[in-house]
Protein backbone atom coordinates (compact mmCIF):
# COMPACT_ATOMS: atom_id res chain seq x y z
CA MET A 1 66.17 60.08 34.81
CA LYS A 2 65.97 62.72 37.57
CA ARG A 3 68.97 64.83 36.40
CA LEU A 4 67.23 64.79 32.95
CA LEU A 5 64.25 65.70 33.92
CA HIS A 6 65.61 68.53 36.16
CA ILE A 7 67.08 70.31 32.55
CA LEU A 8 64.44 70.35 30.93
CA VAL A 9 62.37 71.98 34.00
CA LEU A 10 65.23 74.67 33.56
CA MET A 11 64.82 74.93 29.62
CA VAL A 12 61.22 75.72 30.30
CA PHE A 13 61.83 78.43 32.42
CA ALA A 14 65.05 79.41 30.51
CA ILE A 15 62.39 79.53 26.96
CA SER A 16 59.66 81.28 29.20
CA ALA A 17 62.03 84.01 30.34
CA PHE A 18 63.32 84.72 27.18
CA ALA A 19 59.82 85.02 25.26
CA ASP A 20 58.09 87.08 27.70
CA GLY A 21 61.20 88.85 28.90
CA GLU A 22 61.69 91.01 25.85
CA VAL A 23 62.07 95.19 27.69
CA PHE A 24 62.65 97.67 24.92
CA ASN A 25 63.66 101.18 27.00
CA VAL A 26 64.11 104.41 25.89
CA SER A 27 66.02 107.33 27.34
CA ALA A 28 65.96 110.47 26.86
CA PRO A 29 66.36 113.97 28.93
CA SER A 30 62.66 115.00 29.98
CA THR A 31 63.52 118.95 29.05
CA VAL A 32 66.11 120.39 26.43
CA GLU A 33 66.85 124.20 25.89
CA ALA A 34 66.16 125.19 22.69
CA GLY A 35 69.15 124.88 20.16
CA GLY A 36 70.74 122.10 22.06
CA LYS A 37 71.45 118.89 21.07
CA PHE A 38 70.32 115.92 23.32
CA ARG A 39 70.56 112.33 22.99
CA VAL A 40 67.58 109.54 22.82
CA GLN A 41 68.60 105.68 23.45
CA PHE A 42 66.91 102.60 22.36
CA THR A 43 67.50 99.65 24.73
CA ILE A 44 66.81 96.18 24.39
CA ASN A 45 67.84 93.36 26.71
CA THR A 46 68.91 90.58 24.05
CA GLN A 47 70.82 90.43 20.23
CA ASN A 48 68.26 88.49 18.58
CA VAL A 49 66.82 91.19 17.38
CA SER A 50 65.77 92.07 13.51
CA ASN A 51 63.97 94.70 11.78
CA PHE A 52 64.20 97.83 13.73
CA SER A 53 61.75 100.44 12.57
CA PRO A 54 62.48 103.83 14.06
CA PRO A 55 60.03 106.21 15.52
CA ASP A 56 58.10 109.53 14.86
CA LEU A 57 60.54 112.61 15.45
CA LYS A 58 58.05 114.93 14.96
CA GLY A 59 59.46 118.35 15.85
CA PHE A 60 62.83 117.03 15.96
CA GLU A 61 65.89 117.25 13.52
CA VAL A 62 68.11 114.50 13.70
CA VAL A 63 71.41 114.74 13.34
CA TYR A 64 73.42 112.19 14.01
CA GLY A 65 71.90 108.39 14.15
CA PRO A 66 70.65 106.21 14.34
CA THR A 67 74.37 104.03 15.75
CA THR A 68 73.55 100.58 17.00
CA SER A 69 75.86 99.08 19.88
CA SER A 70 76.10 96.34 21.43
CA SER A 71 77.00 94.46 24.62
CA SER A 72 77.36 91.44 26.68
CA SER A 73 78.29 90.12 29.78
CA PHE A 74 78.84 86.69 31.53
CA GLN A 75 79.10 85.81 35.53
CA TYR A 76 80.26 82.48 37.53
CA ILE A 77 78.86 83.17 40.69
CA ASN A 78 79.24 80.19 43.61
CA GLY A 79 78.74 78.22 40.60
CA ARG A 80 75.75 80.02 39.10
CA THR A 81 76.18 81.60 35.67
CA SER A 82 73.97 84.30 34.35
CA GLN A 83 74.36 85.79 31.03
CA SER A 84 73.08 89.22 29.49
CA SER A 85 73.03 90.91 26.04
CA SER A 86 71.70 94.25 24.79
CA ILE A 87 71.46 96.22 21.28
CA THR A 88 71.28 100.10 21.32
CA TYR A 89 69.82 102.28 19.23
CA THR A 90 71.20 105.59 19.69
CA TYR A 91 70.29 109.00 18.33
CA ILE A 92 71.32 112.58 18.38
CA LEU A 93 68.53 115.21 17.85
CA LEU A 94 67.72 118.89 17.85
CA SER A 95 65.26 121.01 17.95
CA ASP A 96 64.63 125.01 18.07
CA SER A 97 61.11 125.36 18.72
CA PRO A 98 60.31 126.01 21.85
CA GLY A 99 57.38 123.31 22.99
CA THR A 100 56.33 119.77 24.35
CA TYR A 101 57.11 116.91 21.93
CA THR A 102 56.61 113.45 21.58
CA ILE A 103 58.53 110.82 20.65
CA GLY A 104 57.21 108.33 19.37
CA SER A 105 57.26 104.13 20.06
CA ALA A 106 59.99 102.34 18.33
CA SER A 107 59.84 98.46 17.21
CA VAL A 108 61.91 96.04 16.58
CA GLN A 109 61.24 91.91 15.84
CA VAL A 110 62.17 89.49 18.22
CA ASP A 111 61.52 85.87 17.29
CA GLY A 112 58.70 86.89 14.88
CA LYS A 113 57.54 89.33 17.86
CA ALA A 114 56.97 92.47 17.47
CA VAL A 115 58.34 94.87 20.38
CA LYS A 116 57.50 98.24 21.05
CA SER A 117 58.72 101.04 23.26
CA LYS A 118 56.89 103.56 25.30
CA PRO A 119 56.70 107.18 23.77
CA VAL A 120 58.29 109.85 25.60
CA LYS A 121 57.68 113.22 25.77
CA VAL A 122 60.24 115.88 25.70
CA LYS A 123 59.63 119.84 26.68
CA ILE A 124 61.68 122.41 24.65
CA ILE A 125 61.85 125.92 26.88
CA PRO A 126 63.31 128.83 24.91
CA PRO A 127 66.86 129.54 25.22
CA GLY A 128 67.97 131.70 28.72
CA SER A 129 69.71 134.96 29.05
CA ASN A 130 72.70 132.76 31.07
CA PRO A 131 76.21 134.24 29.80
CA ASN A 132 77.30 130.29 29.83
CA SER A 133 74.34 128.65 28.99
CA GLY A 134 76.84 126.71 27.14
CA SER A 135 77.86 124.57 29.67
CA GLY A 136 75.84 121.48 30.56
CA SER A 137 72.82 123.22 29.18
CA SER A 138 72.02 120.35 26.56
CA SER A 139 72.35 117.22 29.16
CA ASN A 140 70.55 116.50 32.11
CA GLY A 141 74.43 115.28 34.59
CA SER A 142 74.13 114.07 38.00
CA MET A 143 75.31 114.34 41.21
CA SER A 144 76.57 111.54 43.27
CA GLY A 145 78.67 113.45 45.83
CA ARG A 146 81.91 112.63 44.29
CA GLN A 147 85.55 113.29 45.73
CA SER A 148 87.91 115.16 44.04
CA SER A 149 92.05 115.90 44.48
CA VAL A 150 91.65 118.97 42.92
CA PRO A 151 92.88 121.92 45.30
CA ILE A 152 90.20 123.87 46.86
CA THR A 153 89.66 127.32 47.56
CA THR A 154 86.78 129.57 49.05
CA GLY A 155 83.59 129.99 46.06
CA ALA A 156 83.65 134.10 46.58
CA GLY A 157 83.45 134.52 42.70
CA ILE A 158 79.98 132.55 41.93
CA SER A 159 77.00 134.66 42.30
CA THR A 160 74.17 133.54 43.73
CA LYS A 161 72.26 133.64 40.33
CA ASP A 162 74.84 131.22 39.47
CA LEU A 163 74.03 128.91 42.50
CA PHE A 164 71.11 129.35 45.02
CA MET A 165 68.34 126.63 46.50
CA THR A 166 64.61 127.04 46.92
CA ALA A 167 62.75 126.53 49.81
CA THR A 168 58.85 126.24 48.86
CA ALA A 169 55.92 124.66 51.32
CA SER A 170 52.53 122.75 49.43
CA ARG A 171 50.79 125.19 51.83
CA THR A 172 51.43 128.24 54.40
CA ASN A 173 47.94 128.30 56.13
CA VAL A 174 47.15 124.98 57.70
CA CYS A 175 45.69 123.93 61.21
CA GLU A 176 47.39 122.17 64.11
CA GLN A 177 48.45 118.30 62.68
CA GLU A 178 47.90 118.62 58.93
CA ALA A 179 50.64 117.87 56.99
CA ILE A 180 53.19 120.49 54.96
CA LEU A 181 55.35 119.18 52.68
CA VAL A 182 58.82 121.49 52.55
CA THR A 183 60.59 121.24 49.21
CA TYR A 184 64.28 122.38 49.01
CA LYS A 185 65.41 122.32 45.40
CA ILE A 186 68.76 123.61 43.89
CA TYR A 187 69.45 125.95 40.62
CA THR A 188 72.80 126.06 39.72
CA LEU A 189 75.19 127.52 36.24
CA VAL A 190 78.56 125.83 37.38
CA ASP A 191 79.31 122.06 38.17
CA LEU A 192 78.16 121.22 41.46
CA THR A 193 79.46 118.01 42.71
CA GLN A 194 78.79 117.80 46.28
CA LEU A 195 76.41 119.34 49.13
CA ASP A 196 75.85 118.88 52.16
CA GLY A 197 73.54 120.08 54.85
CA LYS A 198 70.75 119.06 56.28
CA LEU A 199 66.51 120.32 57.90
CA PRO A 200 67.43 120.88 62.05
CA THR A 201 65.30 119.60 64.81
CA LEU A 202 62.06 122.47 64.37
CA ASP A 203 60.29 123.47 67.62
CA GLY A 204 56.60 122.85 67.21
CA PHE A 205 56.77 120.22 64.13
CA GLN A 206 57.17 116.69 63.91
CA ILE A 207 59.29 116.02 60.87
CA GLN A 208 59.19 112.95 58.52
CA GLU A 209 61.67 113.19 55.79
CA VAL A 210 61.23 112.03 52.14
CA PRO A 211 63.14 109.48 51.02
CA LEU A 212 64.67 110.74 47.73
CA PRO A 213 67.49 109.19 45.17
CA ARG A 214 71.00 109.32 46.20
CA ASN A 215 72.34 110.03 43.08
CA LYS A 216 70.54 113.39 41.94
CA GLU A 217 70.04 113.42 37.98
CA PHE A 218 69.53 117.28 36.93
CA GLN A 219 67.35 118.80 34.94
CA ILE A 220 67.23 121.75 32.65
CA GLU A 221 64.24 124.51 34.21
CA GLN A 222 63.98 127.79 33.33
CA TYR A 223 63.91 130.00 36.40
CA ASN A 224 63.61 134.09 35.95
CA GLY A 225 64.59 134.09 32.11
CA ARG A 226 67.68 131.67 32.69
CA ASN A 227 68.22 128.18 31.94
CA TYR A 228 69.10 126.10 35.20
CA ARG A 229 70.00 122.52 35.92
CA SER A 230 67.98 122.13 38.30
CA VAL A 231 67.13 119.26 41.35
CA VAL A 232 64.76 118.45 44.41
CA TRP A 233 67.80 118.40 47.21
CA SER A 234 65.51 116.99 50.04
CA GLN A 235 61.69 116.94 50.86
CA TYR A 236 60.43 117.01 54.33
CA LEU A 237 56.66 116.32 55.67
CA LEU A 238 55.91 118.50 58.84
CA PHE A 239 53.23 118.31 60.76
CA PRO A 240 52.65 121.32 63.01
CA GLN A 241 52.22 120.68 66.94
CA LYS A 242 50.81 124.12 68.45
CA SER A 243 49.19 127.07 66.81
CA GLY A 244 50.22 130.40 65.95
CA LYS A 245 52.84 131.73 63.27
CA LEU A 246 55.76 128.99 63.04
CA THR A 247 58.82 129.65 61.58
CA ILE A 248 61.37 127.36 59.27
CA PRO A 249 64.84 128.40 59.80
CA SER A 250 67.01 128.57 56.99
CA ILE A 251 69.93 126.02 56.61
CA THR A 252 72.98 126.68 55.04
CA TYR A 253 74.28 123.98 52.51
CA GLU A 254 77.94 124.17 52.19
CA GLY A 255 78.70 123.12 48.14
CA VAL A 256 81.76 122.27 46.13
CA VAL A 257 81.84 123.34 43.17
CA VAL A 258 84.93 122.29 40.14
CA THR A 259 85.61 125.29 38.05
CA ARG A 260 89.07 125.94 35.27
CA ASN A 261 92.07 127.70 37.29
CA ARG A 262 92.44 130.64 35.17
CA ASN A 263 95.79 131.81 36.85
CA LEU A 264 97.34 128.17 35.57
CA ASP A 265 98.88 128.10 31.98
CA PRO A 266 97.07 125.44 30.09
CA ILE A 267 100.25 124.12 28.00
CA GLU A 268 102.19 124.42 31.51
CA ALA A 269 99.52 122.11 33.54
CA PHE A 270 99.58 119.66 30.43
CA PHE A 271 103.88 119.01 30.66
CA ASN A 272 103.27 119.55 34.59
CA GLY A 273 100.41 116.85 35.31
CA GLN A 274 98.16 118.87 36.32
CA SER A 275 94.39 118.79 35.35
CA GLY A 276 94.10 122.65 35.56
CA LEU A 277 91.09 122.25 37.91
CA MET A 278 89.97 123.47 41.05
CA GLU A 279 87.32 123.19 44.00
CA LEU A 280 85.86 126.04 45.26
CA LYS A 281 83.31 126.21 48.84
CA LYS A 282 80.49 127.59 48.34
CA GLN A 283 78.00 128.18 51.14
CA ILE A 284 74.36 128.52 49.83
CA THR A 285 71.17 129.93 52.20
CA THR A 286 67.93 128.94 51.70
CA PRO A 287 65.00 131.09 52.51
CA VAL A 288 62.64 131.54 55.59
CA LEU A 289 59.26 130.12 55.48
CA ASN A 290 56.56 131.55 57.98
CA ILE A 291 53.63 128.75 58.18
CA ASN A 292 50.42 129.88 59.82
CA VAL A 293 48.47 127.57 62.06
CA SER A 294 45.14 127.74 63.23
CA PRO A 295 44.47 125.78 66.19
CA LEU A 296 42.08 122.77 66.01
CA PRO A 297 37.84 123.74 66.84
CA ASN A 298 37.11 122.88 70.36
CA LYS A 299 37.23 118.63 70.47
CA PRO A 300 34.94 116.87 70.47
CA GLU A 301 34.63 113.29 72.40
CA GLY A 302 36.11 110.61 71.20
CA PHE A 303 38.61 113.07 69.11
CA THR A 304 42.62 110.99 69.01
CA GLY A 305 44.24 113.56 67.59
CA ALA A 306 43.38 112.07 63.79
CA VAL A 307 43.36 114.77 61.24
CA GLY A 308 43.36 113.79 57.42
CA LYS A 309 40.57 112.08 55.12
CA PHE A 310 40.30 108.16 56.72
CA SER A 311 37.84 105.31 56.81
CA ILE A 312 37.38 102.76 59.35
CA SER A 313 36.64 98.97 58.93
CA SER A 314 36.48 96.01 61.56
CA GLU A 315 36.94 92.42 62.11
CA ILE A 316 35.97 90.11 64.97
CA SER A 317 37.34 86.66 65.26
CA ALA A 318 34.20 84.75 66.59
CA LYS A 319 31.19 85.93 67.57
CA GLU A 320 30.60 82.64 69.36
CA VAL A 321 32.90 81.01 72.14
CA ASP A 322 33.23 79.61 75.46
CA ALA A 323 33.82 81.17 78.27
CA ASN A 324 36.85 82.39 79.36
CA ASP A 325 38.15 81.92 75.34
CA ALA A 326 39.76 85.13 74.21
CA ILE A 327 37.97 86.97 71.07
CA THR A 328 39.83 89.43 68.93
CA LEU A 329 38.73 92.46 67.46
CA ARG A 330 40.57 94.42 64.63
CA VAL A 331 40.08 97.89 64.13
CA LYS A 332 41.65 99.16 61.02
CA VAL A 333 41.82 102.77 60.04
CA LYS A 334 42.60 103.77 56.64
CA GLY A 335 43.92 106.90 54.83
CA THR A 336 46.18 109.99 54.29
CA GLY A 337 47.16 112.10 57.17
CA ASN A 338 48.97 112.03 60.63
CA MET A 339 48.35 108.52 60.97
CA LYS A 340 51.76 108.53 63.32
CA LEU A 341 50.01 110.36 66.05
CA ILE A 342 46.81 108.93 65.59
CA GLY A 343 45.41 108.14 69.48
CA THR A 344 44.17 104.50 70.19
CA PRO A 345 40.51 104.80 69.80
CA GLU A 346 38.32 103.11 72.92
CA VAL A 347 36.29 99.83 72.62
CA LYS A 348 33.61 99.68 74.92
CA PHE A 349 33.56 96.34 75.37
CA PRO A 350 30.85 94.60 78.83
CA LYS A 351 32.11 94.86 81.68
CA ASP A 352 32.46 91.17 82.34
CA PHE A 353 35.04 90.96 79.46
CA GLU A 354 38.64 91.29 80.75
CA THR A 355 40.31 93.51 78.49
CA TYR A 356 44.05 93.89 77.21
CA ASP A 357 45.94 96.91 75.81
CA ALA A 358 45.74 97.18 72.28
CA LYS A 359 48.28 96.10 69.91
CA VAL A 360 49.21 98.50 67.24
CA ASN A 361 50.33 98.40 63.76
CA ASP A 362 51.11 100.44 61.50
CA LYS A 363 51.10 100.40 57.90
CA PHE A 364 51.81 103.49 56.25
CA ASP A 365 54.10 104.82 53.28
CA ILE A 366 55.00 109.42 53.22
CA THR A 367 53.84 110.93 50.26
CA ARG A 368 53.43 114.02 49.17
CA THR A 369 49.97 115.24 51.43
CA GLY A 370 50.94 113.00 54.13
CA LEU A 371 51.43 109.52 55.58
CA SER A 372 49.10 107.41 53.27
CA GLY A 373 48.37 103.62 54.44
CA THR A 374 46.68 101.71 57.49
CA LYS A 375 46.87 101.81 61.01
CA GLU A 376 45.57 98.87 62.73
CA PHE A 377 44.71 98.41 66.56
CA GLU A 378 43.62 94.77 67.58
CA TYR A 379 42.49 93.93 71.19
CA LEU A 380 42.11 91.33 72.99
CA ALA A 381 39.28 90.76 75.45
CA VAL A 382 38.16 87.30 77.73
CA PRO A 383 34.40 86.60 78.34
CA ARG A 384 34.44 85.43 81.63
CA HIS A 385 30.56 84.48 81.90
CA ALA A 386 27.69 82.75 80.10
CA GLY A 387 25.28 84.64 78.27
CA THR A 388 24.65 86.78 75.19
CA TYR A 389 26.74 89.96 75.23
CA GLU A 390 26.68 93.92 72.77
CA ILE A 391 30.22 95.33 71.80
CA PRO A 392 28.62 98.75 70.76
CA ALA A 393 29.98 100.06 67.19
CA LEU A 394 33.27 101.95 67.36
CA GLN A 395 33.10 105.25 66.94
CA PHE A 396 36.20 107.41 65.16
CA VAL A 397 36.81 110.88 64.80
CA TYR A 398 38.83 112.98 63.08
CA PHE A 399 39.18 116.77 61.63
CA ASP A 400 38.44 116.56 58.06
CA VAL A 401 41.30 118.71 56.81
CA ASP A 402 39.16 119.55 53.48
CA ALA A 403 35.96 120.33 54.90
CA ARG A 404 37.40 121.95 58.33
CA SER A 405 35.26 120.63 60.25
CA TYR A 406 35.32 117.15 62.84
CA LYS A 407 33.59 113.99 61.24
CA THR A 408 32.20 110.18 62.84
CA ILE A 409 32.53 107.52 60.96
CA THR A 410 31.92 104.09 62.73
CA THR A 411 32.20 100.06 62.73
CA GLU A 412 29.86 97.87 63.26
CA PRO A 413 28.47 96.43 66.14
CA TYR A 414 28.82 92.41 67.12
CA THR A 415 27.03 90.79 69.54
CA VAL A 416 28.60 87.58 70.85
CA LYS A 417 27.08 84.92 72.50
CA VAL A 418 28.70 83.58 75.53
CA ARG A 419 28.53 79.56 75.95
CA LYS A 420 29.26 77.87 79.56
CA GLY A 421 32.83 76.87 79.43
CA ASN A 422 34.46 73.32 81.34
CA GLY A 423 37.08 75.10 82.96
CA GLY A 424 39.75 72.77 81.31
CA ASN A 425 41.98 75.41 80.07
CA GLY A 426 43.73 76.10 83.43
CA GLY A 427 43.52 79.88 83.11
CA GLN A 428 45.24 79.85 79.29
CA VAL A 429 43.38 81.82 76.55
CA SER A 430 44.01 81.90 72.70
CA ASN A 431 44.59 85.17 71.16
CA TYR A 432 44.00 85.27 67.68
CA SER A 433 47.53 84.75 66.54
CA GLY A 434 48.04 81.43 68.56
CA GLN A 435 49.84 82.80 71.13
CA GLN A 436 49.36 82.05 74.69
CA GLN A 437 48.26 84.90 77.66
CA ASN A 438 48.31 84.02 80.92
CA VAL A 439 44.75 85.41 82.66
CA GLU A 440 44.49 86.18 85.62
CA GLN A 441 42.41 83.74 87.61
CA LEU A 442 39.66 85.56 89.04
CA ASN A 443 37.63 84.98 93.03
CA THR A 444 40.60 83.18 94.80
CA ASP A 445 40.98 85.84 97.32
CA ILE A 446 39.24 83.35 99.57
CA ARG A 447 40.94 79.57 100.17
CA PHE A 448 39.74 76.54 101.45
CA ILE A 449 40.19 75.58 104.50
CA LYS A 450 43.46 73.73 105.03
CA LYS A 451 42.42 69.78 106.03
CA GLY A 452 44.82 67.27 108.21
CA GLN A 453 47.49 67.34 110.72
CA VAL A 454 48.82 71.09 111.35
CA ALA A 455 52.31 72.01 113.24
CA LEU A 456 50.67 74.54 115.74
CA ARG A 457 53.16 76.78 117.73
CA GLN A 458 52.60 78.73 121.15
CA PRO A 459 52.37 82.27 120.83
CA GLY A 460 55.59 84.31 122.04
CA ASP A 461 58.27 81.40 120.26
CA THR A 462 60.45 82.99 117.92
CA PHE A 463 63.37 81.70 115.85
CA PHE A 464 65.87 84.81 117.81
CA GLY A 465 68.14 82.66 120.97
CA THR A 466 67.48 78.72 119.34
CA TRP A 467 71.06 76.41 118.94
CA ILE A 468 69.82 76.62 115.02
CA TYR A 469 69.67 80.86 115.57
CA TRP A 470 73.64 80.56 116.68
CA ILE A 471 74.81 78.16 114.75
CA ALA A 472 73.40 80.56 111.65
CA TYR A 473 75.09 83.59 113.28
CA ILE A 474 78.67 81.62 114.00
CA ILE A 475 79.10 79.52 111.09
CA PRO A 476 79.48 82.83 108.67
CA VAL A 477 82.38 84.32 110.63
CA ILE A 478 84.11 81.13 110.98
CA LEU A 479 83.76 81.07 107.26
CA PHE A 480 84.78 84.94 107.16
CA ALA A 481 87.90 84.44 109.21
CA VAL A 482 89.19 80.82 106.91
CA ALA A 483 88.46 83.44 103.94
CA VAL A 484 91.16 86.00 105.33
CA VAL A 485 93.74 83.86 106.20
CA ALA A 486 93.83 82.23 102.75
CA GLY A 487 93.67 85.32 101.19
CA ARG A 488 96.31 86.66 103.16
CA LYS A 489 98.59 82.95 102.52
CA ARG A 490 98.15 83.75 98.58
CA MET A 491 98.88 87.41 98.88
CA GLN A 492 102.23 86.44 100.27
CA ALA A 493 103.23 83.44 98.03
CA ASN A 494 102.39 85.90 94.90
CA ALA A 495 104.40 88.88 96.38
CA ASN A 496 107.52 86.58 96.18
CA VAL A 497 108.06 86.83 92.48
CA ALA A 498 110.68 84.32 91.90
CA ARG A 499 109.00 81.84 93.68
CA LEU A 500 105.65 82.70 92.01
CA ARG A 501 107.89 81.62 88.32
CA ASP A 502 109.35 78.46 89.68
CA ARG A 503 105.84 77.48 90.50
CA LYS A 504 104.12 78.37 87.30
CA ALA A 505 107.35 77.54 84.69
CA ASN A 506 105.79 73.75 84.17
CA LYS A 507 102.71 74.77 83.56
CA VAL A 508 103.51 77.45 81.14
CA ALA A 509 106.01 75.10 78.95
CA LEU A 510 103.46 72.90 78.62
CA LYS A 511 100.87 75.27 77.40
CA ARG A 512 103.91 76.49 75.39
CA MET A 513 104.52 72.94 73.79
CA LYS A 514 99.88 72.60 72.67
CA VAL A 515 100.47 75.50 70.85
CA ALA A 516 103.68 73.85 69.01
CA LYS A 517 101.44 70.78 68.28
CA LYS A 518 98.93 73.08 66.63
CA LEU A 519 101.49 73.94 64.57
CA LEU A 520 103.02 70.53 64.12
CA ASP A 521 99.42 69.26 63.05
CA ALA A 522 99.70 72.42 60.44
CA HIS A 523 103.20 71.62 59.73
CA ASP A 524 104.28 75.04 60.07
CA GLN A 525 107.33 74.30 60.33
CA ASN A 526 109.44 77.95 61.29
CA LYS A 527 106.81 78.83 63.57
CA PHE A 528 106.90 75.20 64.83
CA PHE A 529 110.55 75.07 65.82
CA ASP A 530 109.93 78.83 67.66
CA GLU A 531 107.16 78.41 69.38
CA VAL A 532 110.17 75.02 71.14
CA LEU A 533 112.72 77.10 71.72
CA ARG A 534 110.35 80.44 73.79
CA ALA A 535 108.94 76.75 75.37
CA MET A 536 112.17 75.65 76.99
CA TRP A 537 114.00 79.23 77.37
CA GLY A 538 111.05 80.37 79.12
CA TYR A 539 111.05 76.90 81.71
CA ILE A 540 114.73 77.56 82.43
CA GLY A 541 114.34 81.61 82.68
CA ASP A 542 111.22 81.13 85.31
CA LYS A 543 112.68 78.06 87.31
CA PHE A 544 115.93 79.91 87.88
CA ASN A 545 114.11 83.43 88.08
CA MET A 546 116.91 84.56 85.06
CA SER A 547 116.19 88.26 82.90
CA GLN A 548 115.94 87.54 79.79
CA GLU A 549 119.28 89.04 79.22
CA SER A 550 121.65 86.46 81.37
CA LEU A 551 119.79 83.36 79.02
CA ASN A 552 122.51 81.40 77.36
CA LYS A 553 124.16 78.13 77.31
CA ASP A 554 126.74 78.39 80.31
CA ASN A 555 124.64 79.92 82.48
CA ILE A 556 121.87 77.26 82.01
CA ALA A 557 124.42 74.82 82.55
CA GLU A 558 125.84 76.44 85.16
CA SER A 559 121.90 76.83 87.30
CA LEU A 560 121.35 72.96 86.65
CA ALA A 561 124.69 72.22 88.46
CA SER A 562 123.88 74.12 91.41
CA ARG A 563 120.73 72.21 91.55
CA ASN A 564 122.47 68.91 91.38
CA VAL A 565 120.76 68.26 88.03
CA PRO A 566 121.91 64.83 86.37
CA ASP A 567 124.63 66.09 83.69
CA GLU A 568 123.21 63.30 81.35
CA ILE A 569 119.86 65.51 81.48
CA THR A 570 121.99 68.92 81.28
CA GLN A 571 123.55 68.08 78.14
CA GLN A 572 120.11 66.69 76.98
CA PHE A 573 118.48 69.60 77.56
CA LEU A 574 121.38 71.67 75.61
CA LYS A 575 121.57 69.36 72.71
CA LEU A 576 117.42 70.19 72.08
CA LEU A 577 118.26 73.81 72.58
CA ASN A 578 121.09 73.05 69.11
CA ASP A 579 118.64 70.56 67.65
CA CYS A 580 115.64 73.36 67.37
CA GLU A 581 118.19 76.22 66.13
CA PHE A 582 119.07 73.93 63.38
CA ALA A 583 116.39 71.56 62.13
CA ARG A 584 114.75 73.70 60.35
CA TYR A 585 117.32 74.07 57.89
CA ALA A 586 118.52 70.25 58.35
CA PRO A 587 117.67 67.87 55.24
CA GLY A 588 115.74 65.06 55.43
CA ASP A 589 112.10 65.11 56.34
CA ALA A 590 110.53 68.17 57.77
CA ASN A 591 107.73 66.51 59.55
CA GLU A 592 109.69 63.79 60.51
CA ASN A 593 112.20 66.22 62.37
CA MET A 594 109.48 68.37 64.11
CA GLU A 595 107.73 65.26 65.68
CA ASN A 596 111.23 64.06 67.30
CA LEU A 597 111.73 67.21 68.48
CA TYR A 598 108.39 67.58 69.62
CA ASN A 599 108.37 64.16 71.46
CA SER A 600 112.24 65.17 72.85
CA ALA A 601 110.67 68.58 74.13
CA ILE A 602 108.00 66.83 76.37
CA GLU A 603 110.55 64.37 77.36
CA THR A 604 113.22 66.77 78.46
CA ILE A 605 110.78 69.07 80.77
CA SER A 606 109.36 66.34 82.17
CA LYS A 607 112.71 64.50 83.77
CA MET A 608 113.88 68.27 84.71
CA GLU A 609 110.45 68.46 86.63
CA ASP A 610 110.83 65.68 88.57
CA ASN A 611 114.81 66.48 89.54
CA LEU A 612 114.15 70.43 89.98
């Protein structure tokens, strides 16, 4: 029953999403050169459509269309399935008359309901005088920093009229802390595929980069009588920190342009598997910008550096509290300007209030006119005594960039009634967010006289010279001497490499057998036998201080005989070596062979350790 209920709920959600989720989008370039063909596409995210009504295309010539194409996809990820489908209606249009035209709404029927697209505007600009205007002038194009494998040379043949960047400032005459938007825009008549460069650290400016899409979409734009593909490459908000004439230096960008290699025969390139293309490196230098910064007038009292347009509001957590209970005052500054550089306003709390540093919360976004949003200051105060107190209005002074003068805005004053506390909170106060803070107790500098029996000592009695003093002095010396002797013995023992290997042989062998046990459990046959052989060969090599080259079965038999190891154990050890070498190829149950060999190896090493 529960499973059926879940299925019904999912069906209801699916039906509602299908009924309300149809999106009819239109894609068209914003700017097109007169006489150039361009594509307009209408796409709806479902295939259950009918009765497509074309848009109003007044001012355009329909070269081709509408053509219909459909697509669908199905995904199965982590047990969840998803399916999407769409239908696209495509037109190829042309317009010879410059001007701004509107492509009207298209509509389709989805389950008897009409779904319309939004109208879009297309600007038709006059044809430019550029000699290669036919290369990509009718499409927007994009650049996402792709890499290519064609040859790279210098771009000496590309002129500054074919590829250049402009630098513009939203204003060049400002006052201190007033926001300036600097825009770097690229214009190109060539196939630009990469561009690297960034604004350096500037003396006298606070810099905030404006986030832009990484995939740059070019638009057609007329500049000095030529039609270029252009895009805003980067934008920065600058806040001047001092007055005078400040300079934004030029930036050198390094671009990569793909062009056809004219020295290569196209037919020869085709048969040799060459693309016929080459990459040219081109340095692009932006112009220098000069900014005239006026100093702020004489700063009034209470000015914390705010420049822009702002408003202020406040709220208090409680107007009636017990003594030693915390109250929170929140002051919110809202507006546009140098939000990041605003200092903390001073609230004049009563003297009986214990105060703490204000907590600052920034909630602002980067806009073209500055940082826009709110800056919140949270003040925590603790009244210590009962009574009625006044928290005066907070005055916030800022410099209005439009009026070119200082303005003062205020919050409302608050009256706080403090009741006599019961003292049961032990000096702990709760702030507005529910967190506990330790509050230092006042009036604790005078303590009560200690009562009861007190241990007294005669004047002049000292710790020096007592028997406890001498014991505390001698014991560390004895411990140090013991540590030195033990350390020397350990160093001498470690210096004897043969003896050290002998002592650790059994430990190393058992450690390798533990690894073999894990391989046995994992049924890894080849690695298991290798690890058992490594443990046995290594045990003998460590016990008799034998090198890897001298390890063989004859030497092992002689060494064991010289140490009076019983011949039975020696033969068992050698047999085990042979069994390990051939067990992986032996017929029968591999797991049973591995288990038997493992047990035999443990038993043999243990017997040999006892005899040695």
